[in-house]
C-alpha atoms as a PDB file:
ATOM      1  CA  UNK A   1       0.000   0.000   0.000  1.00  0.00           C
ATOM      2  CA  UNK A   2       1.332   3.424  -0.908  1.00  0.00           C
ATOM      3  CA  UNK A   3       0.972   5.648   2.168  1.00  0.00           C
ATOM      4  CA  UNK A   4       3.799   8.072   1.440  1.00  0.00           C
ATOM      5  CA  UNK A   5       5.983   9.074  -1.483  1.00  0.00           C
ATOM      6  CA  UNK A   6       9.406  10.243  -0.347  1.00  0.00           C
ATOM      7  CA  UNK A   7      12.500  10.304  -2.550  1.00  0.00           C
ATOM      8  CA  UNK A   8      15.842  10.016  -0.752  1.00  0.00           C
ATOM      9  CA  UNK A   9      18.473  11.059  -3.315  1.00  0.00           C
ATOM     10  CA  UNK A  10      21.540  10.071  -1.264  1.00  0.00           C
ATOM     11  CA  UNK A  11      20.167   6.529  -0.955  1.00  0.00           C
ATOM     12  CA  UNK A  12      18.523   6.544  -4.420  1.00  0.00           C
ATOM     13  CA  UNK A  13      15.301   5.266  -2.821  1.00  0.00           C
ATOM     14  CA  UNK A  14      11.626   6.044  -3.125  1.00  0.00           C
ATOM     15  CA  UNK A  15       9.882   5.176   0.141  1.00  0.00           C
ATOM     16  CA  UNK A  16       6.237   4.241  -0.337  1.00  0.00           C
ATOM     17  CA  UNK A  17       5.385   3.277   3.257  1.00  0.00           C
ATOM     18  CA  UNK A  18       7.133   2.467   6.514  1.00  0.00           C
ATOM     19  CA  UNK A  19       8.377  -0.915   5.278  1.00  0.00           C
ATOM     20  CA  UNK A  20       8.736  -0.792   1.490  1.00  0.00           C
ATOM     21  CA  UNK A  21      10.749   1.178  -1.006  1.00  0.00           C
ATOM     22  CA  UNK A  22      12.157   1.115  -4.521  1.00  0.00           C
ATOM     23  CA  UNK A  23      15.954   1.272  -4.664  1.00  0.00           C
ATOM     24  CA  UNK A  24      18.439   2.224  -7.347  1.00  0.00           C
ATOM     25  CA  UNK A  25      16.387   5.176  -8.611  1.00  0.00           C
ATOM     26  CA  UNK A  26      18.777   7.811  -9.963  1.00  0.00           C
ATOM     27  CA  UNK A  27      17.872  11.470  -9.445  1.00  0.00           C
ATOM     28  CA  UNK A  28      17.543  11.898 -13.220  1.00  0.00           C
ATOM     29  CA  UNK A  29      14.901   9.163 -13.322  1.00  0.00           C
ATOM     30  CA  UNK A  30      13.009  10.529 -10.307  1.00  0.00           C
ATOM     31  CA  UNK A  31      13.014  14.054 -11.766  1.00  0.00           C
ATOM     32  CA  UNK A  32      11.965  12.991 -15.301  1.00  0.00           C
ATOM     33  CA  UNK A  33       8.934  14.930 -16.525  1.00  0.00           C
ATOM     34  CA  UNK A  34       6.437  14.546 -19.357  1.00  0.00           C
ATOM     35  CA  UNK A  35       3.963  17.332 -20.001  1.00  0.00           C
ATOM     36  CA  UNK A  36       4.965  19.099 -16.804  1.00  0.00           C
ATOM     37  CA  UNK A  37       4.311  16.025 -14.628  1.00  0.00           C
ATOM     38  CA  UNK A  38       7.055  14.302 -12.679  1.00  0.00           C
ATOM     39  CA  UNK A  39       6.265  10.783 -13.917  1.00  0.00           C
ATOM     40  CA  UNK A  40       7.219   8.523 -10.981  1.00  0.00           C
ATOM     41  CA  UNK A  41       5.884  10.906  -8.355  1.00  0.00           C
ATOM     42  CA  UNK A  42       2.537  11.233 -10.148  1.00  0.00           C
ATOM     43  CA  UNK A  43       2.206   7.472 -10.759  1.00  0.00           C
ATOM     44  CA  UNK A  44       2.818   6.701  -7.084  1.00  0.00           C
ATOM     45  CA  UNK A  45       0.683   9.552  -5.720  1.00  0.00           C
ATOM     46  CA  UNK A  46      -2.222   8.465  -7.936  1.00  0.00           C
ATOM     47  CA  UNK A  47      -2.036   5.017  -6.329  1.00  0.00           C
ATOM     48  CA  UNK A  48      -1.796   6.558  -2.871  1.00  0.00           C
ATOM     49  CA  UNK A  49      -4.881   8.667  -3.531  1.00  0.00           C
ATOM     50  CA  UNK A  50      -6.786   5.595  -4.754  1.00  0.00           C
ATOM     51  CA  UNK A  51      -5.608   3.634  -1.671  1.00  0.00           C
ATOM     52  CA  UNK A  52      -4.400   0.969  -4.042  1.00  0.00           C
ATOM     53  CA  UNK A  53      -2.066  -1.854  -3.044  1.00  0.00           C
ATOM     54  CA  UNK A  54       0.701  -2.374  -5.572  1.00  0.00           C
ATOM     55  CA  UNK A  55       0.943  -5.846  -7.069  1.00  0.00           C
ATOM     56  CA  UNK A  56       4.226  -7.514  -7.933  1.00  0.00           C
ATOM     57  CA  UNK A  57       3.557  -6.737 -11.608  1.00  0.00           C
ATOM     58  CA  UNK A  58       2.946  -3.077 -10.744  1.00  0.00           C
ATOM     59  CA  UNK A  59       6.364  -2.916  -9.121  1.00  0.00           C
ATOM     60  CA  UNK A  60       8.191  -4.758 -11.907  1.00  0.00           C
ATOM     61  CA  UNK A  61       8.050  -4.738 -15.670  1.00  0.00           C
ATOM     62  CA  UNK A  62       5.395  -7.468 -15.570  1.00  0.00           C
ATOM     63  CA  UNK A  63       7.489 -10.080 -17.401  1.00  0.00           C
ATOM     64  CA  UNK A  64       7.611 -12.709 -14.648  1.00  0.00           C
END
């Protein structure tokens, strides 16, 4: 469940709740924008707003 969206640039992590995070996210990737939207931040915040639990496929490329 996404309850927070916090990017920690020194650790290259995006924290999504108290227990889970995505690692290895370079600042350039985190800051990437399309149409004025910061892509990763918007994608995660939309899921937080919807109170949606991320599936394994959501968190990967879906090619399991």
